[in-house]
């Protein structure tokens, strides 16, 4: 879907594919919301920690790369998991925020930006 013209040339029905992908995404989001509704009570700030983590993952991975976002999710998960060994688990949002600040300062284009720079140099 990142290059719809190439998809059309290859014979892919781009509009239908986009609709199916959107539908599958909405179905997964609805299922996740239903499962979370059973675990948490609803308040006006419901989901704030999830939004922070999602934003950190996207910034860390890079806005334009699906693979970069997957690597960003892996990095955040590993950092949060192993940080419990050093600091109490109540500080996980602070760890996520610190990782966000580090990503914005050190890697403004995310992990995908590192891949692009490496390809340009090669």
PDB file of N, CA and C in Angstrom:
ATOM      1  N   UNK A   1       0.813  -1.200   0.000  1.00  0.00           N
ATOM      2  CA  UNK A   1       0.000   0.000   0.000  1.00  0.00           C
ATOM      3  C   UNK A   1       0.853   1.259   0.000  1.00  0.00           C
ATOM      4  N   UNK A   2       2.152   1.124   0.205  1.00  0.00           N
ATOM      5  CA  UNK A   2       2.978   2.315   0.207  1.00  0.00           C
ATOM      6  C   UNK A   2       3.216   2.836  -1.200  1.00  0.00           C
ATOM      7  N   UNK A   3       3.019   1.998  -2.204  1.00  0.00           N
ATOM      8  CA  UNK A   3       3.163   2.427  -3.582  1.00  0.00           C
ATOM      9  C   UNK A   3       1.967   1.902  -4.358  1.00  0.00           C
ATOM     10  N   UNK A   4       0.902   2.673  -4.378  1.00  0.00           N
ATOM     11  CA  UNK A   4      -0.335   2.215  -5.010  1.00  0.00           C
ATOM     12  C   UNK A   4      -0.195   2.087  -6.527  1.00  0.00           C
ATOM     13  N   UNK A   5       0.636   2.910  -7.128  1.00  0.00           N
ATOM     14  CA  UNK A   5       0.823   2.807  -8.578  1.00  0.00           C
ATOM     15  C   UNK A   5       1.458   1.471  -8.958  1.00  0.00           C
ATOM     16  N   UNK A   6       2.466   1.055  -8.205  1.00  0.00           N
ATOM     17  CA  UNK A   6       3.109  -0.236  -8.479  1.00  0.00           C
ATOM     18  C   UNK A   6       2.131  -1.385  -8.243  1.00  0.00           C
ATOM     19  N   UNK A   7       1.278  -1.246  -7.250  1.00  0.00           N
ATOM     20  CA  UNK A   7       0.263  -2.262  -7.007  1.00  0.00           C
ATOM     21  C   UNK A   7      -0.721  -2.365  -8.145  1.00  0.00           C
ATOM     22  N   UNK A   8      -1.150  -1.234  -8.656  1.00  0.00           N
ATOM     23  CA  UNK A   8      -2.069  -1.239  -9.806  1.00  0.00           C
ATOM     24  C   UNK A   8      -1.416  -1.870 -11.032  1.00  0.00           C
ATOM     25  N   UNK A   9      -0.130  -1.563 -11.253  1.00  0.00           N
ATOM     26  CA  UNK A   9       0.585  -2.138 -12.391  1.00  0.00           C
ATOM     27  C   UNK A   9       0.679  -3.657 -12.249  1.00  0.00           C
ATOM     28  N   UNK A  10       0.849  -4.137 -11.014  1.00  0.00           N
ATOM     29  CA  UNK A  10       0.951  -5.573 -10.771  1.00  0.00           C
ATOM     30  C   UNK A  10      -0.404  -6.263 -10.804  1.00  0.00           C
ATOM     31  N   UNK A  11      -1.486  -5.489 -10.934  1.00  0.00           N
ATOM     32  CA  UNK A  11      -2.812  -6.078 -11.035  1.00  0.00           C
ATOM     33  C   UNK A  11      -3.558  -6.183  -9.721  1.00  0.00           C
ATOM     34  N   UNK A  12      -3.108  -5.492  -8.697  1.00  0.00           N
ATOM     35  CA  UNK A  12      -3.763  -5.525  -7.394  1.00  0.00           C
ATOM     36  C   UNK A  12      -4.880  -4.494  -7.381  1.00  0.00           C
ATOM     37  N   UNK A  13      -6.038  -4.901  -6.884  1.00  0.00           N
ATOM     38  CA  UNK A  13      -7.142  -3.964  -6.708  1.00  0.00           C
ATOM     39  C   UNK A  13      -6.844  -3.152  -5.440  1.00  0.00           C
ATOM     40  N   UNK A  14      -6.238  -1.993  -5.623  1.00  0.00           N
ATOM     41  CA  UNK A  14      -5.728  -1.201  -4.504  1.00  0.00           C
ATOM     42  C   UNK A  14      -6.855  -0.718  -3.603  1.00  0.00           C
ATOM     43  N   UNK A  15      -7.944  -0.269  -4.176  1.00  0.00           N
ATOM     44  CA  UNK A  15      -9.050   0.239  -3.358  1.00  0.00           C
ATOM     45  C   UNK A  15      -9.641  -0.866  -2.487  1.00  0.00           C
ATOM     46  N   UNK A  16      -9.846  -2.029  -3.066  1.00  0.00           N
ATOM     47  CA  UNK A  16     -10.404  -3.154  -2.312  1.00  0.00           C
ATOM     48  C   UNK A  16      -9.431  -3.601  -1.211  1.00  0.00           C
ATOM     49  N   UNK A  17      -8.149  -3.641  -1.523  1.00  0.00           N
ATOM     50  CA  UNK A  17      -7.148  -4.033  -0.539  1.00  0.00           C
ATOM     51  C   UNK A  17      -7.121  -3.054   0.628  1.00  0.00           C
ATOM     52  N   UNK A  18      -7.221  -1.765   0.339  1.00  0.00           N
ATOM     53  CA  UNK A  18      -7.242  -0.752   1.401  1.00  0.00           C
ATOM     54  C   UNK A  18      -8.487  -0.920   2.268  1.00  0.00           C
ATOM     55  N   UNK A  19      -9.627  -1.219   1.651  1.00  0.00           N
ATOM     56  CA  UNK A  19     -10.850  -1.408   2.415  1.00  0.00           C
ATOM     57  C   UNK A  19     -10.763  -2.637   3.314  1.00  0.00           C
ATOM     58  N   UNK A  20     -10.213  -3.721   2.797  1.00  0.00           N
ATOM     59  CA  UNK A  20     -10.080  -4.938   3.598  1.00  0.00           C
ATOM     60  C   UNK A  20      -9.105  -4.712   4.751  1.00  0.00           C
ATOM     61  N   UNK A  21      -7.992  -4.062   4.479  1.00  0.00           N
ATOM     62  CA  UNK A  21      -7.013  -3.787   5.541  1.00  0.00           C
ATOM     63  C   UNK A  21      -7.621  -2.894   6.619  1.00  0.00           C
ATOM     64  N   UNK A  22      -8.370  -1.889   6.209  1.00  0.00           N
ATOM     65  CA  UNK A  22      -9.034  -1.013   7.172  1.00  0.00           C
ATOM     66  C   UNK A  22     -10.045  -1.802   8.004  1.00  0.00           C
ATOM     67  N   UNK A  23     -10.807  -2.657   7.360  1.00  0.00           N
ATOM     68  CA  UNK A  23     -11.795  -3.465   8.075  1.00  0.00           C
ATOM     69  C   UNK A  23     -11.152  -4.403   9.085  1.00  0.00           C
ATOM     70  N   UNK A  24     -10.056  -5.048   8.689  1.00  0.00           N
ATOM     71  CA  UNK A  24      -9.364  -5.946   9.612  1.00  0.00           C
ATOM     72  C   UNK A  24      -8.796  -5.156  10.794  1.00  0.00           C
ATOM     73  N   UNK A  25      -8.240  -3.970  10.524  1.00  0.00           N
ATOM     74  CA  UNK A  25      -7.713  -3.137  11.598  1.00  0.00           C
ATOM     75  C   UNK A  25      -8.796  -2.719  12.575  1.00  0.00           C
ATOM     76  N   UNK A  26      -9.950  -2.325  12.052  1.00  0.00           N
ATOM     77  CA  UNK A  26     -11.069  -1.933  12.920  1.00  0.00           C
ATOM     78  C   UNK A  26     -11.566  -3.125  13.725  1.00  0.00           C
ATOM     79  N   UNK A  27     -11.598  -4.307  13.114  1.00  0.00           N
ATOM     80  CA  UNK A  27     -12.047  -5.509  13.836  1.00  0.00           C
ATOM     81  C   UNK A  27     -11.105  -5.824  14.997  1.00  0.00           C
ATOM     82  N   UNK A  28      -9.791  -5.746  14.744  1.00  0.00           N
ATOM     83  CA  UNK A  28      -8.844  -5.996  15.834  1.00  0.00           C
ATOM     84  C   UNK A  28      -8.947  -4.931  16.917  1.00  0.00           C
ATOM     85  N   UNK A  29      -9.129  -3.678  16.531  1.00  0.00           N
ATOM     86  CA  UNK A  29      -9.265  -2.612  17.526  1.00  0.00           C
ATOM     87  C   UNK A  29     -10.522  -2.819  18.371  1.00  0.00           C
ATOM     88  N   UNK A  30     -11.605  -3.225  17.738  1.00  0.00           N
ATOM     89  CA  UNK A  30     -12.835  -3.496  18.486  1.00  0.00           C
ATOM     90  C   UNK A  30     -12.682  -4.665  19.429  1.00  0.00           C
ATOM     91  N   UNK A  31     -12.014  -5.723  18.971  1.00  0.00           N
ATOM     92  CA  UNK A  31     -11.792  -6.885  19.839  1.00  0.00           C
ATOM     93  C   UNK A  31     -10.905  -6.515  21.022  1.00  0.00           C
ATOM     94  N   UNK A  32      -9.845  -5.734  20.766  1.00  0.00           N
ATOM     95  CA  UNK A  32      -8.967  -5.310  21.855  1.00  0.00           C
ATOM     96  C   UNK A  32      -9.728  -4.427  22.842  1.00  0.00           C
ATOM     97  N   UNK A  33     -10.565  -3.537  22.334  1.00  0.00           N
ATOM     98  CA  UNK A  33     -11.360  -2.690  23.219  1.00  0.00           C
ATOM     99  C   UNK A  33     -12.327  -3.500  24.066  1.00  0.00           C
ATOM    100  N   UNK A  34     -12.938  -4.510  23.462  1.00  0.00           N
ATOM    101  CA  UNK A  34     -13.841  -5.369  24.221  1.00  0.00           C
ATOM    102  C   UNK A  34     -13.126  -6.140  25.309  1.00  0.00           C
ATOM    103  N   UNK A  35     -11.935  -6.630  25.013  1.00  0.00           N
ATOM    104  CA  UNK A  35     -11.163  -7.360  26.021  1.00  0.00           C
ATOM    105  C   UNK A  35     -10.679  -6.431  27.132  1.00  0.00           C
ATOM    106  N   UNK A  36     -10.252  -5.227  26.766  1.00  0.00           N
ATOM    107  CA  UNK A  36      -9.800  -4.278  27.782  1.00  0.00           C
ATOM    108  C   UNK A  36     -10.955  -3.779  28.646  1.00  0.00           C
ATOM    109  N   UNK A  37     -12.145  -3.708  28.074  1.00  0.00           N
ATOM    110  CA  UNK A  37     -13.301  -3.243  28.850  1.00  0.00           C
ATOM    111  C   UNK A  37     -13.619  -4.195  29.993  1.00  0.00           C
ATOM    112  N   UNK A  38     -13.280  -5.465  29.814  1.00  0.00           N
ATOM    113  CA  UNK A  38     -13.525  -6.423  30.890  1.00  0.00           C
ATOM    114  C   UNK A  38     -12.481  -6.311  32.000  1.00  0.00           C
ATOM    115  N   UNK A  39     -11.312  -5.774  31.675  1.00  0.00           N
ATOM    116  CA  UNK A  39     -10.236  -5.708  32.660  1.00  0.00           C
ATOM    117  C   UNK A  39     -10.166  -4.369  33.392  1.00  0.00           C
ATOM    118  N   UNK A  40     -10.555  -3.279  32.752  1.00  0.00           N
ATOM    119  CA  UNK A  40     -10.395  -1.944  33.317  1.00  0.00           C
ATOM    120  C   UNK A  40     -11.743  -1.241  33.392  1.00  0.00           C
ATOM    121  N   UNK A  41     -11.862  -0.334  34.351  1.00  0.00           N
ATOM    122  CA  UNK A  41     -13.058   0.495  34.414  1.00  0.00           C
ATOM    123  C   UNK A  41     -12.863   1.714  33.497  1.00  0.00           C
ATOM    124  N   UNK A  42     -13.947   2.275  33.047  1.00  0.00           N
ATOM    125  CA  UNK A  42     -13.867   3.416  32.139  1.00  0.00           C
ATOM    126  C   UNK A  42     -13.858   4.723  32.924  1.00  0.00           C
ATOM    127  N   UNK A  43     -12.888   5.554  32.625  1.00  0.00           N
ATOM    128  CA  UNK A  43     -12.785   6.893  33.185  1.00  0.00           C
ATOM    129  C   UNK A  43     -12.451   7.834  32.027  1.00  0.00           C
ATOM    130  N   UNK A  44     -12.545   9.146  32.239  1.00  0.00           N
ATOM    131  CA  UNK A  44     -12.224  10.057  31.135  1.00  0.00           C
ATOM    132  C   UNK A  44     -10.783   9.941  30.628  1.00  0.00           C
ATOM    133  N   UNK A  45      -9.862   9.522  31.480  1.00  0.00           N
ATOM    134  CA  UNK A  45      -8.470   9.382  31.032  1.00  0.00           C
ATOM    135  C   UNK A  45      -8.111   7.936  30.694  1.00  0.00           C
ATOM    136  N   UNK A  46      -9.089   7.130  30.393  1.00  0.00           N
ATOM    137  CA  UNK A  46      -8.858   5.724  30.059  1.00  0.00           C
ATOM    138  C   UNK A  46      -7.978   5.612  28.821  1.00  0.00           C
ATOM    139  N   UNK A  47      -6.938   4.824  28.902  1.00  0.00           N
ATOM    140  CA  UNK A  47      -6.076   4.566  27.758  1.00  0.00           C
ATOM    141  C   UNK A  47      -4.906   5.500  27.617  1.00  0.00           C
ATOM    142  N   UNK A  48      -4.684   6.373  28.565  1.00  0.00           N
ATOM    143  CA  UNK A  48      -3.573   7.313  28.468  1.00  0.00           C
ATOM    144  C   UNK A  48      -2.227   6.627  28.408  1.00  0.00           C
ATOM    145  N   UNK A  49      -2.038   5.611  29.238  1.00  0.00           N
ATOM    146  CA  UNK A  49      -0.755   4.904  29.231  1.00  0.00           C
ATOM    147  C   UNK A  49      -0.566   4.131  27.927  1.00  0.00           C
ATOM    148  N   UNK A  50      -1.660   3.612  27.369  1.00  0.00           N
ATOM    149  CA  UNK A  50      -1.565   2.903  26.089  1.00  0.00           C
ATOM    150  C   UNK A  50      -1.210   3.874  24.962  1.00  0.00           C
ATOM    151  N   UNK A  51      -1.784   5.069  25.023  1.00  0.00           N
ATOM    152  CA  UNK A  51      -1.484   6.070  23.994  1.00  0.00           C
ATOM    153  C   UNK A  51      -0.031   6.519  24.078  1.00  0.00           C
ATOM    154  N   UNK A  52       0.478   6.688  25.296  1.00  0.00           N
ATOM    155  CA  UNK A  52       1.878   7.075  25.454  1.00  0.00           C
ATOM    156  C   UNK A  52       2.794   6.003  24.875  1.00  0.00           C
ATOM    157  N   UNK A  53       2.513   4.761  25.186  1.00  0.00           N
ATOM    158  CA  UNK A  53       3.345   3.672  24.665  1.00  0.00           C
ATOM    159  C   UNK A  53       3.252   3.585  23.145  1.00  0.00           C
ATOM    160  N   UNK A  54       2.059   3.737  22.609  1.00  0.00           N
ATOM    161  CA  UNK A  54       1.904   3.684  21.153  1.00  0.00           C
ATOM    162  C   UNK A  54       2.665   4.828  20.485  1.00  0.00           C
ATOM    163  N   UNK A  55       2.611   6.010  21.082  1.00  0.00           N
ATOM    164  CA  UNK A  55       3.332   7.153  20.515  1.00  0.00           C
ATOM    165  C   UNK A  55       4.839   6.931  20.575  1.00  0.00           C
ATOM    166  N   UNK A  56       5.328   6.383  21.689  1.00  0.00           N
ATOM    167  CA  UNK A  56       6.757   6.096  21.818  1.00  0.00           C
ATOM    168  C   UNK A  56       7.184   5.077  20.764  1.00  0.00           C
ATOM    169  N   UNK A  57       6.380   4.059  20.548  1.00  0.00           N
ATOM    170  CA  UNK A  57       6.706   3.027  19.561  1.00  0.00           C
ATOM    171  C   UNK A  57       6.786   3.628  18.170  1.00  0.00           C
ATOM    172  N   UNK A  58       5.840   4.479  17.818  1.00  0.00           N
ATOM    173  CA  UNK A  58       5.817   5.065  16.477  1.00  0.00           C
ATOM    174  C   UNK A  58       6.995   6.015  16.279  1.00  0.00           C
ATOM    175  N   UNK A  59       7.281   6.845  17.282  1.00  0.00           N
ATOM    176  CA  UNK A  59       8.408   7.778  17.154  1.00  0.00           C
ATOM    177  C   UNK A  59       9.728   7.019  17.126  1.00  0.00           C
ATOM    178  N   UNK A  60       9.852   6.011  17.962  1.00  0.00           N
ATOM    179  CA  UNK A  60      11.092   5.239  18.022  1.00  0.00           C
ATOM    180  C   UNK A  60      11.326   4.465  16.731  1.00  0.00           C
ATOM    181  N   UNK A  61      10.280   3.918  16.159  1.00  0.00           N
ATOM    182  CA  UNK A  61      10.438   3.126  14.951  1.00  0.00           C
ATOM    183  C   UNK A  61      10.553   3.952  13.694  1.00  0.00           C
ATOM    184  N   UNK A  62       9.897   5.078  13.647  1.00  0.00           N
ATOM    185  CA  UNK A  62       9.864   5.891  12.437  1.00  0.00           C
ATOM    186  C   UNK A  62       8.450   5.917  11.888  1.00  0.00           C
ATOM    187  N   UNK A  63       8.037   7.061  11.405  1.00  0.00           N
ATOM    188  CA  UNK A  63       6.650   7.230  10.985  1.00  0.00           C
ATOM    189  C   UNK A  63       6.310   6.540   9.669  1.00  0.00           C
ATOM    190  N   UNK A  64       7.285   6.276   8.842  1.00  0.00           N
ATOM    191  CA  UNK A  64       7.002   5.787   7.503  1.00  0.00           C
ATOM    192  C   UNK A  64       7.283   4.309   7.301  1.00  0.00           C
ATOM    193  N   UNK A  65       7.742   3.616   8.303  1.00  0.00           N
ATOM    194  CA  UNK A  65       8.199   2.246   8.119  1.00  0.00           C
ATOM    195  C   UNK A  65       7.466   1.289   9.048  1.00  0.00           C
ATOM    196  N   UNK A  66       6.815   0.285   8.458  1.00  0.00           N
ATOM    197  CA  UNK A  66       6.143  -0.730   9.266  1.00  0.00           C
ATOM    198  C   UNK A  66       7.166  -1.572  10.029  1.00  0.00           C
ATOM    199  N   UNK A  67       8.248  -1.932   9.369  1.00  0.00           N
ATOM    200  CA  UNK A  67       9.292  -2.721  10.027  1.00  0.00           C
ATOM    201  C   UNK A  67       9.945  -1.914  11.147  1.00  0.00           C
ATOM    202  N   UNK A  68      10.128  -0.616  10.932  1.00  0.00           N
ATOM    203  CA  UNK A  68      10.693   0.232  11.975  1.00  0.00           C
ATOM    204  C   UNK A  68       9.804   0.297  13.195  1.00  0.00           C
ATOM    205  N   UNK A  69       8.494   0.358  12.984  1.00  0.00           N
ATOM    206  CA  UNK A  69       7.558   0.391  14.109  1.00  0.00           C
ATOM    207  C   UNK A  69       7.596  -0.937  14.864  1.00  0.00           C
ATOM    208  N   UNK A  70       7.737  -2.043  14.138  1.00  0.00           N
ATOM    209  CA  UNK A  70       7.851  -3.346  14.798  1.00  0.00           C
ATOM    210  C   UNK A  70       9.113  -3.407  15.646  1.00  0.00           C
ATOM    211  N   UNK A  71      10.214  -2.881  15.131  1.00  0.00           N
ATOM    212  CA  UNK A  71      11.462  -2.847  15.899  1.00  0.00           C
ATOM    213  C   UNK A  71      11.308  -1.899  17.094  1.00  0.00           C
ATOM    214  N   UNK A  72      10.630  -0.782  16.905  1.00  0.00           N
ATOM    215  CA  UNK A  72      10.379   0.140  18.016  1.00  0.00           C
ATOM    216  C   UNK A  72       9.564  -0.508  19.120  1.00  0.00           C
ATOM    217  N   UNK A  73       8.565  -1.311  18.755  1.00  0.00           N
ATOM    218  CA  UNK A  73       7.773  -2.025  19.754  1.00  0.00           C
ATOM    219  C   UNK A  73       8.628  -3.033  20.502  1.00  0.00           C
ATOM    220  N   UNK A  74       9.505  -3.711  19.783  1.00  0.00           N
ATOM    221  CA  UNK A  74      10.392  -4.678  20.425  1.00  0.00           C
ATOM    222  C   UNK A  74      11.348  -3.977  21.395  1.00  0.00           C
ATOM    223  N   UNK A  75      11.891  -2.853  20.974  1.00  0.00           N
ATOM    224  CA  UNK A  75      12.817  -2.107  21.842  1.00  0.00           C
ATOM    225  C   UNK A  75      12.105  -1.632  23.109  1.00  0.00           C
ATOM    226  N   UNK A  76      10.914  -1.052  22.950  1.00  0.00           N
ATOM    227  CA  UNK A  76      10.181  -0.565  24.123  1.00  0.00           C
ATOM    228  C   UNK A  76       9.820  -1.717  25.052  1.00  0.00           C
ATOM    229  N   UNK A  77       9.387  -2.832  24.496  1.00  0.00           N
ATOM    230  CA  UNK A  77       9.016  -3.976  25.332  1.00  0.00           C
ATOM    231  C   UNK A  77      10.222  -4.501  26.108  1.00  0.00           C
ATOM    232  N   UNK A  78      11.360  -4.595  25.441  1.00  0.00           N
ATOM    233  CA  UNK A  78      12.553  -5.094  26.126  1.00  0.00           C
ATOM    234  C   UNK A  78      13.031  -4.123  27.207  1.00  0.00           C
ATOM    235  N   UNK A  79      13.017  -2.833  26.889  1.00  0.00           N
ATOM    236  CA  UNK A  79      13.463  -1.843  27.880  1.00  0.00           C
ATOM    237  C   UNK A  79      12.540  -1.841  29.087  1.00  0.00           C
ATOM    238  N   UNK A  80      11.228  -1.881  28.870  1.00  0.00           N
ATOM    239  CA  UNK A  80      10.302  -1.876  30.004  1.00  0.00           C
ATOM    240  C   UNK A  80      10.395  -3.169  30.802  1.00  0.00           C
ATOM    241  N   UNK A  81      10.565  -4.286  30.114  1.00  0.00           N
ATOM    242  CA  UNK A  81      10.627  -5.567  30.819  1.00  0.00           C
ATOM    243  C   UNK A  81      11.876  -5.679  31.680  1.00  0.00           C
ATOM    244  N   UNK A  82      13.018  -5.333  31.114  1.00  0.00           N
ATOM    245  CA  UNK A  82      14.254  -5.480  31.872  1.00  0.00           C
ATOM    246  C   UNK A  82      14.488  -4.339  32.854  1.00  0.00           C
ATOM    247  N   UNK A  83      13.785  -3.234  32.696  1.00  0.00           N
ATOM    248  CA  UNK A  83      13.928  -2.150  33.668  1.00  0.00           C
ATOM    249  C   UNK A  83      13.279  -2.492  34.995  1.00  0.00           C
ATOM    250  N   UNK A  84      12.375  -3.461  34.992  1.00  0.00           N
ATOM    251  CA  UNK A  84      11.743  -3.884  36.249  1.00  0.00           C
ATOM    252  C   UNK A  84      12.779  -4.486  37.193  1.00  0.00           C
ATOM    253  N   UNK A  85      13.855  -5.007  36.635  1.00  0.00           N
ATOM    254  CA  UNK A  85      14.914  -5.569  37.475  1.00  0.00           C
ATOM    255  C   UNK A  85      15.645  -4.490  38.268  1.00  0.00           C
ATOM    256  N   UNK A  86      15.620  -3.257  37.755  1.00  0.00           N
ATOM    257  CA  UNK A  86      16.376  -2.175  38.383  1.00  0.00           C
ATOM    258  C   UNK A  86      15.463  -1.233  39.168  1.00  0.00           C
ATOM    259  N   UNK A  87      14.361  -0.827  38.555  1.00  0.00           N
ATOM    260  CA  UNK A  87      13.457   0.129  39.192  1.00  0.00           C
ATOM    261  C   UNK A  87      12.076  -0.507  39.358  1.00  0.00           C
ATOM    262  N   UNK A  88      11.263  -0.028  40.305  1.00  0.00           N
ATOM    263  CA  UNK A  88       9.931  -0.604  40.509  1.00  0.00           C
ATOM    264  C   UNK A  88       9.040  -0.456  39.266  1.00  0.00           C
ATOM    265  N   UNK A  89       8.093  -1.363  39.126  1.00  0.00           N
ATOM    266  CA  UNK A  89       7.249  -1.392  37.927  1.00  0.00           C
ATOM    267  C   UNK A  89       6.304  -0.192  37.842  1.00  0.00           C
ATOM    268  N   UNK A  90       6.108   0.516  38.931  1.00  0.00           N
ATOM    269  CA  UNK A  90       5.261   1.706  38.907  1.00  0.00           C
ATOM    270  C   UNK A  90       5.836   2.840  38.085  1.00  0.00           C
ATOM    271  N   UNK A  91       7.114   2.749  37.779  1.00  0.00           N
ATOM    272  CA  UNK A  91       7.778   3.794  37.007  1.00  0.00           C
ATOM    273  C   UNK A  91       7.821   3.502  35.506  1.00  0.00           C
ATOM    274  N   UNK A  92       7.080   2.533  35.032  1.00  0.00           N
ATOM    275  CA  UNK A  92       7.107   2.204  33.609  1.00  0.00           C
ATOM    276  C   UNK A  92       6.669   3.355  32.712  1.00  0.00           C
ATOM    277  N   UNK A  93       5.645   4.138  33.064  1.00  0.00           N
ATOM    278  CA  UNK A  93       5.344   5.299  32.214  1.00  0.00           C
ATOM    279  C   UNK A  93       6.495   6.298  32.150  1.00  0.00           C
ATOM    280  N   UNK A  94       7.227   6.456  33.243  1.00  0.00           N
ATOM    281  CA  UNK A  94       8.386   7.356  33.229  1.00  0.00           C
ATOM    282  C   UNK A  94       9.480   6.797  32.329  1.00  0.00           C
ATOM    283  N   UNK A  95       9.623   5.501  32.315  1.00  0.00           N
ATOM    284  CA  UNK A  95      10.609   4.874  31.443  1.00  0.00           C
ATOM    285  C   UNK A  95      10.215   5.077  29.984  1.00  0.00           C
ATOM    286  N   UNK A  96       8.925   4.915  29.691  1.00  0.00           N
ATOM    287  CA  UNK A  96       8.446   5.139  28.322  1.00  0.00           C
ATOM    288  C   UNK A  96       8.679   6.584  27.894  1.00  0.00           C
ATOM    289  N   UNK A  97       8.379   7.518  28.787  1.00  0.00           N
ATOM    290  CA  UNK A  97       8.573   8.925  28.458  1.00  0.00           C
ATOM    291  C   UNK A  97      10.049   9.251  28.273  1.00  0.00           C
ATOM    292  N   UNK A  98      10.904   8.673  29.115  1.00  0.00           N
ATOM    293  CA  UNK A  98      12.345   8.895  28.969  1.00  0.00           C
ATOM    294  C   UNK A  98      12.861   8.338  27.645  1.00  0.00           C
ATOM    295  N   UNK A  99      12.355   7.178  27.252  1.00  0.00           N
ATOM    296  CA  UNK A  99      12.741   6.598  25.967  1.00  0.00           C
ATOM    297  C   UNK A  99      12.254   7.466  24.812  1.00  0.00           C
ATOM    298  N   UNK A 100      11.081   8.081  24.961  1.00  0.00           N
ATOM    299  CA  UNK A 100      10.569   9.000  23.942  1.00  0.00           C
ATOM    300  C   UNK A 100      11.496  10.201  23.791  1.00  0.00           C
ATOM    301  N   UNK A 101      11.900  10.792  24.900  1.00  0.00           N
ATOM    302  CA  UNK A 101      12.791  11.950  24.850  1.00  0.00           C
ATOM    303  C   UNK A 101      14.129  11.565  24.220  1.00  0.00           C
ATOM    304  N   UNK A 102      14.667  10.427  24.616  1.00  0.00           N
ATOM    305  CA  UNK A 102      15.926   9.967  24.025  1.00  0.00           C
ATOM    306  C   UNK A 102      15.787   9.726  22.521  1.00  0.00           C
ATOM    307  N   UNK A 103      14.669   9.138  22.119  1.00  0.00           N
ATOM    308  CA  UNK A 103      14.453   8.880  20.689  1.00  0.00           C
ATOM    309  C   UNK A 103      14.347  10.187  19.917  1.00  0.00           C
ATOM    310  N   UNK A 104      13.685  11.176  20.481  1.00  0.00           N
ATOM    311  CA  UNK A 104      13.542  12.454  19.780  1.00  0.00           C
ATOM    312  C   UNK A 104      14.867  13.198  19.689  1.00  0.00           C
ATOM    313  N   UNK A 105      15.711  13.056  20.697  1.00  0.00           N
ATOM    314  CA  UNK A 105      16.990  13.755  20.688  1.00  0.00           C
ATOM    315  C   UNK A 105      18.023  13.024  19.837  1.00  0.00           C
ATOM    316  N   UNK A 106      18.123  11.712  20.019  1.00  0.00           N
ATOM    317  CA  UNK A 106      19.173  10.941  19.355  1.00  0.00           C
ATOM    318  C   UNK A 106      18.754  10.476  17.958  1.00  0.00           C
ATOM    319  N   UNK A 107      17.535   9.973  17.828  1.00  0.00           N
ATOM    320  CA  UNK A 107      17.052   9.426  16.556  1.00  0.00           C
ATOM    321  C   UNK A 107      15.774  10.145  16.117  1.00  0.00           C
ATOM    322  N   UNK A 108      15.853  11.354  15.605  1.00  0.00           N
ATOM    323  CA  UNK A 108      14.621  12.058  15.236  1.00  0.00           C
ATOM    324  C   UNK A 108      13.842  11.382  14.102  1.00  0.00           C
ATOM    325  N   UNK A 109      14.526  10.588  13.264  1.00  0.00           N
ATOM    326  CA  UNK A 109      13.833   9.862  12.202  1.00  0.00           C
ATOM    327  C   UNK A 109      13.517   8.430  12.600  1.00  0.00           C
ATOM    328  N   UNK A 110      13.851   8.037  13.796  1.00  0.00           N
ATOM    329  CA  UNK A 110      13.577   6.699  14.270  1.00  0.00           C
ATOM    330  C   UNK A 110      14.593   5.687  13.755  1.00  0.00           C
ATOM    331  N   UNK A 111      14.314   4.433  14.052  1.00  0.00           N
ATOM    332  CA  UNK A 111      15.191   3.354  13.611  1.00  0.00           C
ATOM    333  C   UNK A 111      15.200   3.264  12.091  1.00  0.00           C
ATOM    334  N   UNK A 112      14.068   3.526  11.475  1.00  0.00           N
ATOM    335  CA  UNK A 112      13.994   3.489  10.007  1.00  0.00           C
ATOM    336  C   UNK A 112      14.897   4.541   9.390  1.00  0.00           C
ATOM    337  N   UNK A 113      15.097   5.658  10.062  1.00  0.00           N
ATOM    338  CA  UNK A 113      16.006   6.684   9.569  1.00  0.00           C
ATOM    339  C   UNK A 113      17.446   6.202   9.528  1.00  0.00           C
ATOM    340  N   UNK A 114      17.813   5.350  10.495  1.00  0.00           N
ATOM    341  CA  UNK A 114      19.151   4.759  10.466  1.00  0.00           C
ATOM    342  C   UNK A 114      19.337   3.864   9.252  1.00  0.00           C
ATOM    343  N   UNK A 115      18.290   3.093   8.918  1.00  0.00           N
ATOM    344  CA  UNK A 115      18.362   2.213   7.752  1.00  0.00           C
ATOM    345  C   UNK A 115      18.499   3.028   6.470  1.00  0.00           C
ATOM    346  N   UNK A 116      17.749   4.131   6.383  1.00  0.00           N
ATOM    347  CA  UNK A 116      17.821   4.968   5.181  1.00  0.00           C
ATOM    348  C   UNK A 116      19.199   5.602   5.033  1.00  0.00           C
ATOM    349  N   UNK A 117      19.781   6.075   6.141  1.00  0.00           N
ATOM    350  CA  UNK A 117      21.120   6.658   6.077  1.00  0.00           C
ATOM    351  C   UNK A 117      22.150   5.622   5.664  1.00  0.00           C
ATOM    352  N   UNK A 118      21.989   4.406   6.149  1.00  0.00           N
ATOM    353  CA  UNK A 118      22.924   3.350   5.792  1.00  0.00           C
ATOM    354  C   UNK A 118      22.815   2.999   4.305  1.00  0.00           C
ATOM    355  N   UNK A 119      21.597   3.001   3.786  1.00  0.00           N
ATOM    356  CA  UNK A 119      21.420   2.717   2.346  1.00  0.00           C
ATOM    357  C   UNK A 119      21.996   3.818   1.482  1.00  0.00           C
ATOM    358  N   UNK A 120      21.868   5.059   1.934  1.00  0.00           N
ATOM    359  CA  UNK A 120      22.430   6.172   1.170  1.00  0.00           C
ATOM    360  C   UNK A 120      23.955   6.135   1.136  1.00  0.00           C
ATOM    361  N   UNK A 121      24.561   5.702   2.235  1.00  0.00           N
ATOM    362  CA  UNK A 121      26.007   5.633   2.299  1.00  0.00           C
ATOM    363  C   UNK A 121      26.574   4.464   1.505  1.00  0.00           C
ATOM    364  N   UNK A 122      25.780   3.416   1.352  1.00  0.00           N
ATOM    365  CA  UNK A 122      26.266   2.229   0.634  1.00  0.00           C
ATOM    366  C   UNK A 122      26.277   2.410  -0.868  1.00  0.00           C
TER     367      UNK A 122
END
